[in-house]
Amino acid sequence: MVQALIDNSSTSLGAIACVRRWLGEAQRLAVLTGAGVSAESGVPTFREDADGYWSQFKPEEMASEAGYRRDPAHVWRWYEHRRALVAKVTPNEGHLALARWARQHPGRMTLITQNVDGLHQQAGSEDVLSLHGELSRNRWLNRRCTLCDLEQAVPGEPPHCAACGNLLRPAVVWFGESLPSQTWARAEQAAEQCQLMLVIGTSGAVYPAAGLAKIARRNRARVVIINPHASELDSVADQMIAMPSAQVLPLLLASPE
């Protein structure tokens, strides 16, 4: 792996060495991950899920309350398709490196993710701030009645409450919905209080999540972008490492020898 980095460029190795020094100095580390991290495990991004049938539908039709209410069975099947894709993949070396570093440095890292696939949790990361929800979970579409019980929902496409007919929906944030307030408040606080923020595998185009890097920068934290592609947050970066996170993070977060 080191040889691959050397072949890529000595600049990347220098950047990694620099950020390792910053890690040693930072008492509080915030990490923001995006779709690129999951893509390295084989999870297709929302707009790259090019399965023949589902590729013909617009994301807004499949990930909005209006679209769900219009055709709940159709949208539910799409999410079951997404869940089946995620079930086939495993955490990559980047996921594992983050979890390992957090265990070795308890209380220093806040892990914030835009991803809904649960791969950080599978890798062993605890208390992950999932800004956009979790694909594996469900919640009720409407206000629940006293008999609405997630564990007792009547099977179907989608499952529903036997008492009131309330429908289950995936516990993810759809277009037009607000982020979970408590999760967002904790993410903001982490961005405000960290000395170093790693922004990994995100285009920086989705707000308010992308704004966390700017919050960190305003509060004088160092911001590091890890992404093989250009992002809309590059202008706020103190350091950029243009390589896949599954290659970089094991080196960046390795324990000193």
Protein backbone atom coordinates (compact mmCIF):
# COMPACT_ATOMS: atom_id res chain seq x y z
CA MET A 1 0.00 0.00 0.00
CA VAL A 2 2.84 2.40 0.84
CA GLN A 3 4.42 1.67 -2.55
CA ALA A 4 1.13 2.55 -4.26
CA LEU A 5 1.13 5.88 -2.48
CA ILE A 6 4.72 6.55 -3.47
CA ASP A 7 3.87 5.77 -7.06
CA ASN A 8 0.94 8.15 -6.84
CA SER A 9 2.97 11.08 -5.59
CA SER A 10 5.35 12.10 -2.86
CA THR A 11 3.03 15.04 -2.25
CA SER A 12 0.37 12.70 -0.86
CA LEU A 13 2.85 11.13 1.53
CA GLY A 14 3.90 14.57 2.71
CA ALA A 15 0.28 15.56 3.25
CA ILE A 16 -0.38 12.39 5.24
CA ALA A 17 2.64 13.05 7.44
CA CYS A 18 1.45 16.62 8.03
CA VAL A 19 -2.07 15.55 8.97
CA ARG A 20 -0.71 12.86 11.29
CA ARG A 21 1.08 15.63 13.19
CA TRP A 22 -2.15 17.59 13.37
CA LEU A 23 -3.95 14.52 14.68
CA GLY A 24 -1.44 14.24 17.48
CA GLU A 25 -2.06 17.86 18.44
CA ALA A 26 -5.87 17.80 18.27
CA GLN A 27 -7.80 16.97 21.41
CA ARG A 28 -11.08 16.91 19.49
CA LEU A 29 -11.44 15.42 16.03
CA ALA A 30 -14.58 15.67 13.91
CA VAL A 31 -14.99 13.42 10.88
CA LEU A 32 -17.58 13.97 8.15
CA THR A 33 -18.04 11.15 5.64
CA GLY A 34 -20.01 11.05 2.42
CA ALA A 35 -21.05 8.72 -0.37
CA GLY A 36 -17.53 8.25 -1.69
CA VAL A 37 -16.56 6.28 1.42
CA SER A 38 -19.40 3.82 0.86
CA ALA A 39 -18.75 3.67 -2.88
CA GLU A 40 -15.33 2.23 -2.09
CA SER A 41 -17.16 -0.72 -0.50
CA GLY A 42 -19.30 -1.15 -3.59
CA VAL A 43 -22.40 0.73 -2.46
CA PRO A 44 -23.77 2.62 -5.46
CA THR A 45 -24.49 6.28 -4.82
CA PHE A 46 -28.08 7.45 -5.12
CA ARG A 47 -27.67 8.59 -8.71
CA GLU A 48 -25.41 5.71 -9.75
CA ASP A 49 -27.84 2.90 -8.95
CA ALA A 50 -28.20 2.04 -12.62
CA ASP A 51 -30.12 -1.21 -12.28
CA GLY A 52 -32.12 -1.51 -15.49
CA TYR A 53 -35.58 -1.05 -14.03
CA TRP A 54 -34.97 1.46 -11.25
CA SER A 55 -32.66 3.74 -13.26
CA GLN A 56 -35.62 5.17 -15.16
CA PHE A 57 -37.05 6.92 -12.10
CA LYS A 58 -36.02 10.31 -10.76
CA PRO A 59 -34.55 10.37 -7.24
CA GLU A 60 -37.16 12.93 -6.22
CA GLU A 61 -39.89 10.42 -7.08
CA MET A 62 -38.35 7.72 -4.93
CA ALA A 63 -37.13 9.79 -1.98
CA SER A 64 -39.86 12.25 -1.06
CA GLU A 65 -42.96 12.08 1.07
CA ALA A 66 -45.07 13.14 -1.89
CA GLY A 67 -43.67 10.33 -4.02
CA TYR A 68 -44.25 7.80 -1.27
CA ARG A 69 -47.83 8.85 -0.67
CA ARG A 70 -48.48 8.73 -4.42
CA ASP A 71 -47.31 5.14 -4.79
CA PRO A 72 -46.13 3.62 -1.48
CA ALA A 73 -45.82 0.05 -2.78
CA HIS A 74 -43.56 1.11 -5.65
CA VAL A 75 -41.29 3.23 -3.47
CA TRP A 76 -41.16 0.57 -0.75
CA ARG A 77 -39.93 -1.97 -3.32
CA TRP A 78 -37.18 0.43 -4.36
CA TYR A 79 -35.97 0.72 -0.79
CA GLU A 80 -36.06 -3.05 -0.41
CA HIS A 81 -33.90 -3.17 -3.55
CA ARG A 82 -31.47 -0.69 -1.98
CA ARG A 83 -31.37 -2.69 1.24
CA ALA A 84 -30.56 -5.84 -0.71
CA LEU A 85 -27.64 -4.07 -2.40
CA VAL A 86 -26.25 -2.83 0.92
CA ALA A 87 -26.59 -6.29 2.48
CA LYS A 88 -24.04 -7.60 -0.03
CA VAL A 89 -21.22 -5.23 0.94
CA THR A 90 -18.90 -4.96 3.93
CA PRO A 91 -16.98 -2.12 5.56
CA ASN A 92 -13.74 -1.22 3.83
CA GLU A 93 -10.35 -0.43 5.34
CA GLY A 94 -11.32 3.21 5.76
CA HIS A 95 -14.38 2.35 7.87
CA LEU A 96 -12.28 -0.02 9.95
CA ALA A 97 -9.47 2.49 10.47
CA LEU A 98 -11.88 5.11 11.82
CA ALA A 99 -13.44 2.64 14.24
CA ARG A 100 -10.04 1.43 15.41
CA TRP A 101 -8.72 4.97 16.00
CA ALA A 102 -11.82 5.89 18.01
CA ARG A 103 -11.33 2.85 20.26
CA GLN A 104 -7.69 3.73 20.78
CA HIS A 105 -8.51 7.38 21.56
CA PRO A 106 -11.78 7.32 23.53
CA GLY A 107 -13.70 10.55 23.68
CA ARG A 108 -11.68 12.37 21.03
CA MET A 109 -13.56 11.62 17.79
CA THR A 110 -17.06 12.55 16.70
CA LEU A 111 -18.02 10.61 13.57
CA ILE A 112 -20.66 12.29 11.42
CA THR A 113 -21.93 10.65 8.24
CA GLN A 114 -24.21 11.53 5.37
CA ASN A 115 -24.45 7.84 4.52
CA VAL A 116 -27.46 5.72 5.44
CA ASP A 117 -25.94 2.25 4.86
CA GLY A 118 -24.73 1.56 8.41
CA LEU A 119 -21.24 0.51 7.32
CA HIS A 120 -19.57 2.66 9.98
CA GLN A 121 -21.61 0.88 12.63
CA GLN A 122 -20.80 -2.52 11.12
CA ALA A 123 -17.11 -1.60 11.28
CA GLY A 124 -17.44 -1.05 15.03
CA SER A 125 -17.87 2.73 15.26
CA GLU A 126 -20.12 3.73 18.13
CA ASP A 127 -22.42 6.71 18.56
CA VAL A 128 -22.31 7.58 14.86
CA LEU A 129 -24.21 10.77 14.00
CA SER A 130 -26.22 9.65 10.96
CA LEU A 131 -27.42 12.95 9.54
CA HIS A 132 -29.60 11.40 6.85
CA GLY A 133 -30.97 8.51 8.87
CA GLU A 134 -30.42 4.76 8.57
CA LEU A 135 -31.60 2.62 5.68
CA SER A 136 -31.98 -0.51 7.82
CA ARG A 137 -34.54 1.13 10.11
CA ASN A 138 -38.18 2.06 9.65
CA ARG A 139 -40.52 4.58 11.21
CA TRP A 140 -44.18 5.52 10.85
CA LEU A 141 -45.28 7.73 8.00
CA ASN A 142 -48.03 9.51 9.95
CA ARG A 143 -48.52 10.36 13.60
CA ARG A 144 -48.68 7.04 15.39
CA CYS A 145 -51.76 5.84 17.21
CA THR A 146 -51.53 4.17 20.62
CA LEU A 147 -51.38 0.74 18.95
CA CYS A 148 -48.72 1.53 16.33
CA ASP A 149 -45.88 -0.89 17.07
CA LEU A 150 -42.95 -1.25 14.68
CA GLU A 151 -42.46 -4.85 15.74
CA GLN A 152 -46.10 -5.76 15.13
CA ALA A 153 -46.67 -4.12 11.76
CA VAL A 154 -48.71 -6.17 9.31
CA PRO A 155 -46.40 -7.44 6.52
CA GLY A 156 -46.93 -5.93 3.10
CA GLU A 157 -45.59 -3.45 0.58
CA PRO A 158 -45.32 -1.46 2.75
CA PRO A 159 -46.13 -2.94 6.17
CA HIS A 160 -48.86 -1.13 8.09
CA CYS A 161 -50.50 -0.81 11.48
CA ALA A 162 -53.40 -3.23 11.92
CA ALA A 163 -55.30 -0.72 14.05
CA CYS A 164 -55.13 2.51 12.07
CA GLY A 165 -53.55 1.62 8.71
CA ASN A 166 -50.53 3.84 9.28
CA LEU A 167 -47.72 2.92 6.88
CA LEU A 168 -44.11 2.17 7.66
CA ARG A 169 -41.48 4.15 5.77
CA PRO A 170 -37.69 3.96 5.71
CA ALA A 171 -36.07 5.96 8.50
CA VAL A 172 -34.08 8.11 6.10
CA VAL A 173 -34.26 11.82 5.40
CA TRP A 174 -36.15 12.50 2.19
CA PHE A 175 -35.94 15.53 -0.08
CA GLY A 176 -37.65 18.47 1.59
CA GLU A 177 -37.32 17.06 5.12
CA SER A 178 -35.25 18.48 7.96
CA LEU A 179 -32.34 16.61 9.48
CA PRO A 180 -33.02 15.03 12.88
CA SER A 181 -32.71 18.00 15.22
CA GLN A 182 -30.75 16.40 18.06
CA THR A 183 -28.33 14.70 15.70
CA TRP A 184 -27.73 17.94 13.81
CA ALA A 185 -27.22 19.88 17.05
CA ARG A 186 -24.53 17.43 18.14
CA ALA A 187 -22.87 17.60 14.72
CA GLU A 188 -22.80 21.40 14.84
CA GLN A 189 -21.32 21.31 18.32
CA ALA A 190 -18.61 18.90 17.20
CA ALA A 191 -17.75 21.17 14.27
CA GLU A 192 -17.58 24.20 16.55
CA GLN A 193 -15.39 22.54 19.18
CA CYS A 194 -12.97 20.42 17.14
CA GLN A 195 -9.38 21.39 16.42
CA LEU A 196 -9.27 19.19 13.31
CA MET A 197 -11.95 18.06 10.86
CA LEU A 198 -11.54 15.33 8.26
CA VAL A 199 -13.99 15.65 5.36
CA ILE A 200 -13.95 12.32 3.55
CA GLY A 201 -15.57 11.22 0.31
CA THR A 202 -18.18 13.94 0.02
CA SER A 203 -18.80 16.28 -2.90
CA GLY A 204 -19.60 19.11 -0.50
CA ALA A 205 -22.76 19.88 -2.46
CA VAL A 206 -25.41 18.69 0.00
CA TYR A 207 -26.40 21.15 2.70
CA PRO A 208 -26.66 21.61 5.59
CA ALA A 209 -24.16 18.75 6.06
CA ALA A 210 -21.50 20.39 3.89
CA GLY A 211 -21.73 23.51 6.02
CA LEU A 212 -20.09 21.68 8.93
CA ALA A 213 -16.66 22.10 7.32
CA LYS A 214 -17.22 25.84 7.07
CA ILE A 215 -18.33 25.97 10.71
CA ALA A 216 -15.13 24.20 11.73
CA ARG A 217 -13.02 26.58 9.66
CA ARG A 218 -14.74 29.65 11.14
CA ASN A 219 -13.87 28.32 14.58
CA ARG A 220 -10.19 28.02 13.58
CA ALA A 221 -10.09 24.26 13.20
CA ARG A 222 -7.88 22.77 10.53
CA VAL A 223 -9.88 21.17 7.72
CA VAL A 224 -8.55 18.24 5.69
CA ILE A 225 -10.29 17.03 2.52
CA ILE A 226 -9.74 13.37 1.60
CA ASN A 227 -11.24 12.74 -1.82
CA PRO A 228 -9.81 11.51 -5.13
CA HIS A 229 -12.11 14.01 -6.85
CA ALA A 230 -12.47 17.77 -6.53
CA SER A 231 -15.15 18.89 -4.10
CA GLU A 232 -17.04 22.09 -3.46
CA LEU A 233 -15.30 22.37 -0.08
CA ASP A 234 -11.74 22.41 -1.40
CA SER A 235 -11.56 26.17 -0.88
CA VAL A 236 -11.82 25.80 2.91
CA ALA A 237 -9.20 23.04 3.16
CA ASP A 238 -5.90 23.46 4.98
CA GLN A 239 -4.75 20.22 3.38
CA MET A 240 -6.10 17.98 0.60
CA ILE A 241 -5.29 14.33 -0.04
CA ALA A 242 -6.55 13.34 -3.47
CA MET A 243 -6.72 9.60 -2.91
CA PRO A 244 -9.34 6.98 -1.96
CA SER A 245 -10.09 6.95 1.75
CA ALA A 246 -9.68 3.17 2.04
CA GLN A 247 -6.01 3.67 1.11
CA VAL A 248 -5.35 6.85 3.05
CA LEU A 249 -7.10 6.30 6.38
CA PRO A 250 -5.21 3.16 7.48
CA LEU A 251 -1.96 5.10 7.06
CA LEU A 252 -3.25 8.37 8.43
CA LEU A 253 -4.78 6.81 11.54
CA ALA A 254 -2.16 4.13 12.20
CA SER A 255 -0.70 4.03 15.71
CA PRO A 256 2.84 5.43 15.99
CA GLU A 257 5.47 2.72 15.84
